[in-house]
Amino acid sequence: MARAAAAALVLLALATGAVGCGGDEGVAAGATVRVYVSGSACPAAKRELARVGGRAGDVHISAVCLAATKAGGRPDLAAIGADARRASEDSAAIAYLEAPDPAAARFAQPILESAGIGWIESRSGAAAMRRVLRAVDEADSGSLRDKVRANLEAG
């Protein structure tokens, strides 16, 4: 009986997590979602977010700044993968902004795609954040994560 109760709790926890940004119900007004931003793009992305009051429509948006992923001038592939996994495990993550780096893209993009998180590669953190804000504004009902990803992929 204890195993059945434990299994039921695990299933309940999984079902609760599925209702986040990836679920079909969408995001409630006033909810907070997160955008993960690579180190070099973060200051400009945060300024852009602050300029609009940290909101897009009825949704609060916070930027999660990631540490630099270069070690000795070379991409730190373990750090790149860890950052992408961190975002993919966050049910409130809707986008991932990264400075152009082919090595980072090769490691991060497949992880983010498998989680349904939109990915932007841009030299400008501000321009990338504007794209995310526009994607959130244009999203209608349904999964905000899915709508943002589709909008970002469309360009």
N, C-alpha and C. Protein backbone atom coordinates (compact mmCIF):
# COMPACT_ATOMS: atom_id res chain seq x y z
N MET A 1 0.81 -1.19 0.00
CA MET A 1 0.00 0.00 0.00
C MET A 1 0.86 1.26 0.00
N ALA A 2 1.98 1.23 0.74
CA ALA A 2 2.86 2.40 0.78
C ALA A 2 3.44 2.69 -0.60
N ARG A 3 3.74 1.63 -1.35
CA ARG A 3 4.26 1.85 -2.71
C ARG A 3 3.22 2.49 -3.61
N ALA A 4 1.98 2.08 -3.47
CA ALA A 4 0.91 2.66 -4.28
C ALA A 4 0.74 4.14 -3.95
N ALA A 5 0.80 4.47 -2.67
CA ALA A 5 0.68 5.87 -2.27
C ALA A 5 1.85 6.69 -2.80
N ALA A 6 3.06 6.13 -2.71
CA ALA A 6 4.25 6.83 -3.22
C ALA A 6 4.14 7.03 -4.72
N ALA A 7 3.68 6.00 -5.43
CA ALA A 7 3.52 6.11 -6.88
C ALA A 7 2.50 7.18 -7.23
N ALA A 8 1.41 7.23 -6.46
CA ALA A 8 0.38 8.24 -6.71
C ALA A 8 0.93 9.64 -6.50
N LEU A 9 1.76 9.84 -5.47
CA LEU A 9 2.37 11.15 -5.24
C LEU A 9 3.30 11.54 -6.37
N VAL A 10 4.08 10.59 -6.87
CA VAL A 10 4.98 10.87 -7.99
C VAL A 10 4.17 11.28 -9.22
N LEU A 11 3.10 10.55 -9.51
CA LEU A 11 2.27 10.89 -10.66
C LEU A 11 1.62 12.26 -10.49
N LEU A 12 1.18 12.57 -9.28
CA LEU A 12 0.60 13.88 -9.02
C LEU A 12 1.62 14.98 -9.23
N ALA A 13 2.85 14.76 -8.76
CA ALA A 13 3.91 15.76 -8.95
C ALA A 13 4.21 15.96 -10.42
N LEU A 14 4.27 14.87 -11.17
CA LEU A 14 4.53 14.98 -12.61
C LEU A 14 3.40 15.71 -13.31
N ALA A 15 2.18 15.39 -12.95
CA ALA A 15 1.03 16.06 -13.58
C ALA A 15 1.02 17.54 -13.25
N THR A 16 1.36 17.89 -12.01
CA THR A 16 1.41 19.29 -11.62
C THR A 16 2.47 20.04 -12.42
N GLY A 17 3.63 19.43 -12.62
CA GLY A 17 4.70 20.06 -13.40
C GLY A 17 4.30 20.25 -14.84
N ALA A 18 3.48 19.37 -15.37
CA ALA A 18 3.08 19.47 -16.78
C ALA A 18 2.15 20.64 -17.03
N VAL A 19 1.56 21.21 -15.99
CA VAL A 19 0.64 22.31 -16.16
C VAL A 19 1.38 23.63 -16.32
N GLY A 20 2.71 23.65 -16.15
CA GLY A 20 3.50 24.87 -16.31
C GLY A 20 3.42 25.38 -17.73
N CYS A 21 4.47 26.00 -18.18
CA CYS A 21 4.48 26.62 -19.51
C CYS A 21 4.29 25.62 -20.63
N GLY A 22 4.62 24.37 -20.40
CA GLY A 22 4.51 23.38 -21.46
C GLY A 22 3.14 22.76 -21.56
N GLY A 23 2.26 22.98 -20.59
CA GLY A 23 0.94 22.37 -20.60
C GLY A 23 0.02 23.04 -21.60
N ASP A 24 -1.16 22.47 -21.81
CA ASP A 24 -2.11 23.00 -22.77
C ASP A 24 -2.95 24.14 -22.21
N GLU A 25 -2.92 24.35 -20.91
CA GLU A 25 -3.78 25.34 -20.29
C GLU A 25 -3.28 26.76 -20.45
N GLY A 26 -2.03 26.94 -20.81
CA GLY A 26 -1.49 28.28 -20.93
C GLY A 26 -1.00 28.80 -19.60
N VAL A 27 -0.66 30.07 -19.55
CA VAL A 27 -0.13 30.70 -18.35
C VAL A 27 -1.17 31.67 -17.82
N ALA A 28 -1.41 31.62 -16.52
CA ALA A 28 -2.38 32.50 -15.89
C ALA A 28 -1.88 33.94 -15.92
N ALA A 29 -2.82 34.87 -15.99
CA ALA A 29 -2.46 36.28 -15.92
C ALA A 29 -1.72 36.53 -14.61
N GLY A 30 -0.64 37.30 -14.69
CA GLY A 30 0.16 37.59 -13.51
C GLY A 30 1.23 36.56 -13.21
N ALA A 31 1.26 35.48 -13.96
CA ALA A 31 2.28 34.44 -13.75
C ALA A 31 3.65 34.98 -14.16
N THR A 32 4.69 34.37 -13.62
CA THR A 32 6.06 34.74 -13.98
C THR A 32 6.68 33.62 -14.77
N VAL A 33 7.27 33.97 -15.91
CA VAL A 33 8.01 33.02 -16.73
C VAL A 33 9.46 33.49 -16.80
N ARG A 34 10.33 32.59 -17.23
CA ARG A 34 11.75 32.92 -17.25
C ARG A 34 12.36 32.78 -18.64
N VAL A 35 13.30 33.68 -18.90
CA VAL A 35 14.11 33.64 -20.11
C VAL A 35 15.55 33.46 -19.65
N TYR A 36 16.19 32.40 -20.11
CA TYR A 36 17.59 32.14 -19.77
C TYR A 36 18.47 32.87 -20.78
N VAL A 37 19.51 33.57 -20.25
CA VAL A 37 20.33 34.43 -21.10
C VAL A 37 21.80 34.16 -20.84
N SER A 38 22.56 33.92 -21.92
CA SER A 38 24.00 33.68 -21.77
C SER A 38 24.67 34.92 -21.21
N GLY A 39 25.78 34.72 -20.53
CA GLY A 39 26.48 35.77 -19.80
C GLY A 39 26.68 37.07 -20.55
N SER A 40 27.22 37.02 -21.76
CA SER A 40 27.54 38.25 -22.47
C SER A 40 26.30 39.00 -22.95
N ALA A 41 25.21 38.31 -23.18
CA ALA A 41 23.99 38.96 -23.66
C ALA A 41 23.11 39.45 -22.52
N CYS A 42 23.39 39.03 -21.30
CA CYS A 42 22.47 39.29 -20.19
C CYS A 42 22.31 40.77 -19.81
N PRO A 43 23.37 41.55 -19.69
CA PRO A 43 23.15 42.95 -19.27
C PRO A 43 22.19 43.71 -20.19
N ALA A 44 22.36 43.57 -21.48
CA ALA A 44 21.48 44.29 -22.42
C ALA A 44 20.06 43.71 -22.39
N ALA A 45 19.95 42.39 -22.25
CA ALA A 45 18.62 41.76 -22.17
C ALA A 45 17.88 42.23 -20.93
N LYS A 46 18.58 42.33 -19.81
CA LYS A 46 17.95 42.79 -18.57
C LYS A 46 17.54 44.26 -18.67
N ARG A 47 18.35 45.09 -19.32
CA ARG A 47 17.98 46.50 -19.51
C ARG A 47 16.71 46.61 -20.35
N GLU A 48 16.64 45.80 -21.40
CA GLU A 48 15.44 45.82 -22.26
C GLU A 48 14.21 45.36 -21.47
N LEU A 49 14.38 44.36 -20.68
CA LEU A 49 13.28 43.85 -19.86
C LEU A 49 12.84 44.92 -18.84
N ALA A 50 13.80 45.58 -18.23
CA ALA A 50 13.48 46.65 -17.27
C ALA A 50 12.76 47.81 -17.96
N ARG A 51 13.14 48.09 -19.20
CA ARG A 51 12.53 49.19 -19.96
C ARG A 51 11.02 49.00 -20.11
N VAL A 52 10.58 47.74 -20.19
CA VAL A 52 9.15 47.45 -20.35
C VAL A 52 8.50 47.03 -19.03
N GLY A 53 9.20 47.24 -17.94
CA GLY A 53 8.63 46.91 -16.64
C GLY A 53 8.59 45.42 -16.33
N GLY A 54 9.39 44.64 -17.03
CA GLY A 54 9.44 43.20 -16.76
C GLY A 54 8.16 42.47 -17.11
N ARG A 55 7.42 43.00 -18.07
CA ARG A 55 6.14 42.39 -18.44
C ARG A 55 5.95 42.37 -19.95
N ALA A 56 5.17 41.40 -20.36
CA ALA A 56 4.64 41.36 -21.72
C ALA A 56 3.18 40.99 -21.56
N GLY A 57 2.31 41.92 -21.83
CA GLY A 57 0.89 41.67 -21.57
C GLY A 57 0.67 41.47 -20.09
N ASP A 58 -0.01 40.39 -19.73
CA ASP A 58 -0.31 40.09 -18.33
C ASP A 58 0.73 39.18 -17.70
N VAL A 59 1.82 38.92 -18.39
CA VAL A 59 2.81 37.96 -17.91
C VAL A 59 4.06 38.69 -17.42
N HIS A 60 4.51 38.33 -16.24
CA HIS A 60 5.78 38.85 -15.70
C HIS A 60 6.89 37.99 -16.30
N ILE A 61 7.98 38.64 -16.68
CA ILE A 61 9.11 37.91 -17.27
C ILE A 61 10.36 38.25 -16.46
N SER A 62 11.11 37.22 -16.11
CA SER A 62 12.39 37.45 -15.44
C SER A 62 13.49 36.84 -16.29
N ALA A 63 14.65 37.47 -16.23
CA ALA A 63 15.82 36.97 -16.96
C ALA A 63 16.70 36.22 -15.97
N VAL A 64 17.14 35.05 -16.37
CA VAL A 64 18.08 34.26 -15.59
C VAL A 64 19.42 34.36 -16.29
N CYS A 65 20.36 35.05 -15.67
CA CYS A 65 21.68 35.23 -16.27
C CYS A 65 22.54 34.00 -16.02
N LEU A 66 23.14 33.52 -17.08
CA LEU A 66 24.00 32.35 -17.01
C LEU A 66 25.46 32.79 -17.01
N ALA A 67 26.29 32.03 -16.36
CA ALA A 67 27.72 32.34 -16.31
C ALA A 67 28.34 32.15 -17.70
N ALA A 68 29.46 32.79 -17.91
CA ALA A 68 30.19 32.64 -19.18
C ALA A 68 30.54 31.17 -19.39
N THR A 69 30.49 30.75 -20.63
CA THR A 69 30.76 29.34 -20.94
C THR A 69 32.04 29.18 -21.77
N LYS A 70 33.00 30.01 -21.49
CA LYS A 70 34.31 29.90 -22.14
C LYS A 70 35.34 29.61 -21.05
N ALA A 71 36.24 28.70 -21.35
CA ALA A 71 37.33 28.39 -20.44
C ALA A 71 38.62 28.44 -21.25
N GLY A 72 39.50 29.36 -20.92
CA GLY A 72 40.74 29.50 -21.67
C GLY A 72 40.50 29.91 -23.11
N GLY A 73 39.43 30.69 -23.35
CA GLY A 73 39.13 31.16 -24.70
C GLY A 73 38.40 30.14 -25.56
N ARG A 74 38.15 28.96 -25.02
CA ARG A 74 37.44 27.90 -25.77
C ARG A 74 36.10 27.63 -25.12
N PRO A 75 35.13 27.16 -25.89
CA PRO A 75 33.82 26.84 -25.31
C PRO A 75 33.95 25.74 -24.25
N ASP A 76 33.31 25.94 -23.12
CA ASP A 76 33.25 24.93 -22.07
C ASP A 76 31.97 24.12 -22.32
N LEU A 77 32.11 23.02 -23.03
CA LEU A 77 30.95 22.25 -23.47
C LEU A 77 30.15 21.69 -22.30
N ALA A 78 30.80 21.34 -21.21
CA ALA A 78 30.08 20.85 -20.04
C ALA A 78 29.19 21.95 -19.46
N ALA A 79 29.71 23.17 -19.39
CA ALA A 79 28.93 24.29 -18.86
C ALA A 79 27.77 24.64 -19.80
N ILE A 80 28.02 24.58 -21.09
CA ILE A 80 26.97 24.86 -22.08
C ILE A 80 25.83 23.85 -21.93
N GLY A 81 26.17 22.58 -21.85
CA GLY A 81 25.16 21.54 -21.67
C GLY A 81 24.42 21.68 -20.36
N ALA A 82 25.15 22.00 -19.28
CA ALA A 82 24.52 22.17 -17.97
C ALA A 82 23.53 23.33 -17.98
N ASP A 83 23.89 24.43 -18.64
CA ASP A 83 22.98 25.58 -18.73
C ASP A 83 21.72 25.21 -19.49
N ALA A 84 21.87 24.53 -20.61
CA ALA A 84 20.71 24.13 -21.41
C ALA A 84 19.83 23.16 -20.63
N ARG A 85 20.44 22.23 -19.91
CA ARG A 85 19.65 21.29 -19.10
C ARG A 85 18.93 22.02 -17.98
N ARG A 86 19.59 23.00 -17.38
CA ARG A 86 18.96 23.79 -16.31
C ARG A 86 17.68 24.46 -16.84
N ALA A 87 17.77 25.06 -18.01
CA ALA A 87 16.60 25.71 -18.60
C ALA A 87 15.54 24.66 -18.95
N SER A 88 15.97 23.52 -19.49
CA SER A 88 15.00 22.51 -19.91
C SER A 88 14.25 21.89 -18.73
N GLU A 89 14.84 21.94 -17.55
CA GLU A 89 14.19 21.38 -16.36
C GLU A 89 13.31 22.39 -15.65
N ASP A 90 13.28 23.63 -16.10
CA ASP A 90 12.50 24.69 -15.48
C ASP A 90 11.16 24.81 -16.21
N SER A 91 10.08 24.45 -15.54
CA SER A 91 8.76 24.48 -16.18
C SER A 91 8.31 25.90 -16.53
N ALA A 92 8.95 26.91 -15.98
CA ALA A 92 8.59 28.30 -16.28
C ALA A 92 9.46 28.90 -17.38
N ALA A 93 10.42 28.14 -17.90
CA ALA A 93 11.30 28.66 -18.96
C ALA A 93 10.56 28.71 -20.28
N ILE A 94 10.68 29.86 -20.96
CA ILE A 94 10.02 29.99 -22.27
C ILE A 94 11.00 30.28 -23.39
N ALA A 95 12.21 30.70 -23.07
CA ALA A 95 13.18 31.03 -24.13
C ALA A 95 14.60 30.99 -23.58
N TYR A 96 15.54 30.87 -24.51
CA TYR A 96 16.97 30.81 -24.18
C TYR A 96 17.69 31.70 -25.17
N LEU A 97 18.39 32.71 -24.67
CA LEU A 97 19.08 33.67 -25.53
C LEU A 97 20.58 33.45 -25.40
N GLU A 98 21.24 33.41 -26.54
CA GLU A 98 22.67 33.11 -26.53
C GLU A 98 23.40 33.93 -27.57
N ALA A 99 24.62 34.34 -27.23
CA ALA A 99 25.48 35.02 -28.20
C ALA A 99 25.92 33.99 -29.24
N PRO A 100 26.17 34.41 -30.47
CA PRO A 100 26.57 33.47 -31.51
C PRO A 100 27.83 32.68 -31.15
N ASP A 101 27.73 31.38 -31.20
CA ASP A 101 28.84 30.49 -30.94
C ASP A 101 28.46 29.11 -31.50
N PRO A 102 29.05 28.69 -32.61
CA PRO A 102 28.67 27.42 -33.22
C PRO A 102 28.79 26.22 -32.28
N ALA A 103 29.80 26.20 -31.43
CA ALA A 103 29.96 25.08 -30.49
C ALA A 103 28.82 25.07 -29.48
N ALA A 104 28.46 26.24 -28.97
CA ALA A 104 27.36 26.32 -28.02
C ALA A 104 26.06 25.87 -28.66
N ALA A 105 25.84 26.30 -29.88
CA ALA A 105 24.62 25.92 -30.59
C ALA A 105 24.52 24.41 -30.76
N ARG A 106 25.62 23.78 -31.13
CA ARG A 106 25.62 22.33 -31.34
C ARG A 106 25.25 21.57 -30.07
N PHE A 107 25.63 22.10 -28.91
CA PHE A 107 25.35 21.40 -27.66
C PHE A 107 24.04 21.84 -27.01
N ALA A 108 23.74 23.10 -27.04
CA ALA A 108 22.56 23.60 -26.34
C ALA A 108 21.27 23.40 -27.13
N GLN A 109 21.29 23.67 -28.41
CA GLN A 109 20.06 23.68 -29.19
C GLN A 109 19.30 22.34 -29.15
N PRO A 110 19.95 21.19 -29.29
CA PRO A 110 19.17 19.94 -29.23
C PRO A 110 18.50 19.72 -27.86
N ILE A 111 19.16 20.11 -26.80
CA ILE A 111 18.59 19.97 -25.46
C ILE A 111 17.36 20.86 -25.33
N LEU A 112 17.49 22.09 -25.78
CA LEU A 112 16.39 23.05 -25.68
C LEU A 112 15.23 22.65 -26.59
N GLU A 113 15.54 22.18 -27.79
CA GLU A 113 14.48 21.75 -28.70
C GLU A 113 13.70 20.58 -28.13
N SER A 114 14.40 19.64 -27.49
CA SER A 114 13.69 18.49 -26.93
C SER A 114 12.76 18.90 -25.80
N ALA A 115 13.05 20.02 -25.15
CA ALA A 115 12.18 20.54 -24.08
C ALA A 115 11.14 21.52 -24.61
N GLY A 116 11.20 21.84 -25.90
CA GLY A 116 10.24 22.76 -26.49
C GLY A 116 10.50 24.22 -26.16
N ILE A 117 11.75 24.55 -25.86
CA ILE A 117 12.11 25.92 -25.48
C ILE A 117 12.67 26.65 -26.70
N GLY A 118 12.14 27.82 -26.97
CA GLY A 118 12.63 28.65 -28.07
C GLY A 118 14.05 29.11 -27.81
N TRP A 119 14.84 29.14 -28.86
CA TRP A 119 16.27 29.47 -28.76
C TRP A 119 16.59 30.58 -29.74
N ILE A 120 17.29 31.61 -29.26
CA ILE A 120 17.70 32.73 -30.12
C ILE A 120 19.20 32.90 -30.00
N GLU A 121 19.84 33.02 -31.14
CA GLU A 121 21.26 33.33 -31.18
C GLU A 121 21.38 34.75 -31.73
N SER A 122 21.93 35.65 -30.92
CA SER A 122 22.00 37.05 -31.32
C SER A 122 23.17 37.74 -30.64
N ARG A 123 23.78 38.64 -31.34
CA ARG A 123 24.85 39.46 -30.74
C ARG A 123 24.28 40.50 -29.80
N SER A 124 23.01 40.81 -29.96
CA SER A 124 22.36 41.84 -29.15
C SER A 124 21.37 41.21 -28.18
N GLY A 125 21.69 41.28 -26.89
CA GLY A 125 20.77 40.78 -25.88
C GLY A 125 19.47 41.56 -25.88
N ALA A 126 19.55 42.87 -26.15
CA ALA A 126 18.35 43.70 -26.19
C ALA A 126 17.44 43.30 -27.34
N ALA A 127 18.02 43.11 -28.53
CA ALA A 127 17.21 42.72 -29.69
C ALA A 127 16.59 41.35 -29.47
N ALA A 128 17.33 40.42 -28.90
CA ALA A 128 16.81 39.09 -28.64
C ALA A 128 15.66 39.16 -27.63
N MET A 129 15.82 39.95 -26.58
CA MET A 129 14.74 40.08 -25.59
C MET A 129 13.52 40.72 -26.21
N ARG A 130 13.70 41.70 -27.11
CA ARG A 130 12.55 42.30 -27.79
C ARG A 130 11.79 41.24 -28.59
N ARG A 131 12.52 40.33 -29.22
CA ARG A 131 11.85 39.24 -29.97
C ARG A 131 11.03 38.36 -29.03
N VAL A 132 11.58 38.06 -27.86
CA VAL A 132 10.84 37.23 -26.90
C VAL A 132 9.60 37.97 -26.42
N LEU A 133 9.75 39.25 -26.08
CA LEU A 133 8.61 40.03 -25.61
C LEU A 133 7.51 40.09 -26.67
N ARG A 134 7.89 40.28 -27.91
CA ARG A 134 6.93 40.30 -29.01
C ARG A 134 6.25 38.93 -29.15
N ALA A 135 7.02 37.86 -29.01
CA ALA A 135 6.46 36.51 -29.11
C ALA A 135 5.45 36.24 -27.99
N VAL A 136 5.75 36.73 -26.79
CA VAL A 136 4.81 36.56 -25.68
C VAL A 136 3.55 37.38 -25.94
N ASP A 137 3.70 38.61 -26.41
CA ASP A 137 2.54 39.46 -26.71
C ASP A 137 1.65 38.82 -27.77
N GLU A 138 2.25 38.15 -28.75
CA GLU A 138 1.49 37.58 -29.86
C GLU A 138 0.91 36.21 -29.55
N ALA A 139 1.32 35.61 -28.45
CA ALA A 139 0.82 34.28 -28.09
C ALA A 139 -0.65 34.37 -27.69
N ASP A 140 -1.42 33.40 -28.14
CA ASP A 140 -2.82 33.35 -27.72
C ASP A 140 -2.98 32.19 -26.73
N SER A 141 -4.11 31.59 -26.68
CA SER A 141 -4.35 30.52 -25.71
C SER A 141 -3.48 29.30 -26.02
N GLY A 142 -3.34 28.45 -25.06
CA GLY A 142 -2.52 27.25 -25.20
C GLY A 142 -1.20 27.43 -24.48
N SER A 143 -0.27 26.57 -24.78
CA SER A 143 1.02 26.58 -24.12
C SER A 143 1.85 27.79 -24.54
N LEU A 144 2.18 28.64 -23.57
CA LEU A 144 2.99 29.82 -23.88
C LEU A 144 4.35 29.40 -24.40
N ARG A 145 4.95 28.38 -23.80
CA ARG A 145 6.25 27.90 -24.25
C ARG A 145 6.19 27.50 -25.72
N ASP A 146 5.16 26.75 -26.10
CA ASP A 146 5.02 26.31 -27.49
C ASP A 146 4.80 27.49 -28.43
N LYS A 147 3.96 28.43 -28.01
CA LYS A 147 3.66 29.59 -28.86
C LYS A 147 4.89 30.46 -29.05
N VAL A 148 5.64 30.68 -27.98
CA VAL A 148 6.86 31.49 -28.09
C VAL A 148 7.86 30.80 -28.99
N ARG A 149 8.06 29.51 -28.80
CA ARG A 149 9.01 28.77 -29.65
C ARG A 149 8.61 28.87 -31.12
N ALA A 150 7.34 28.65 -31.43
CA ALA A 150 6.89 28.72 -32.82
C ALA A 150 7.10 30.11 -33.40
N ASN A 151 6.82 31.14 -32.61
CA ASN A 151 6.99 32.51 -33.08
C ASN A 151 8.48 32.80 -33.33
N LEU A 152 9.35 32.35 -32.42
CA LEU A 152 10.79 32.59 -32.59
C LEU A 152 11.33 31.83 -33.81
N GLU A 153 10.83 30.63 -34.04
CA GLU A 153 11.28 29.86 -35.20
C GLU A 153 10.83 30.50 -36.51
N ALA A 154 9.65 31.15 -36.46
CA ALA A 154 9.14 31.79 -37.67
C ALA A 154 9.93 33.05 -38.02
N GLY A 155 10.67 33.55 -37.05
CA GLY A 155 11.52 34.71 -37.33
C GLY A 155 10.93 35.95 -36.84
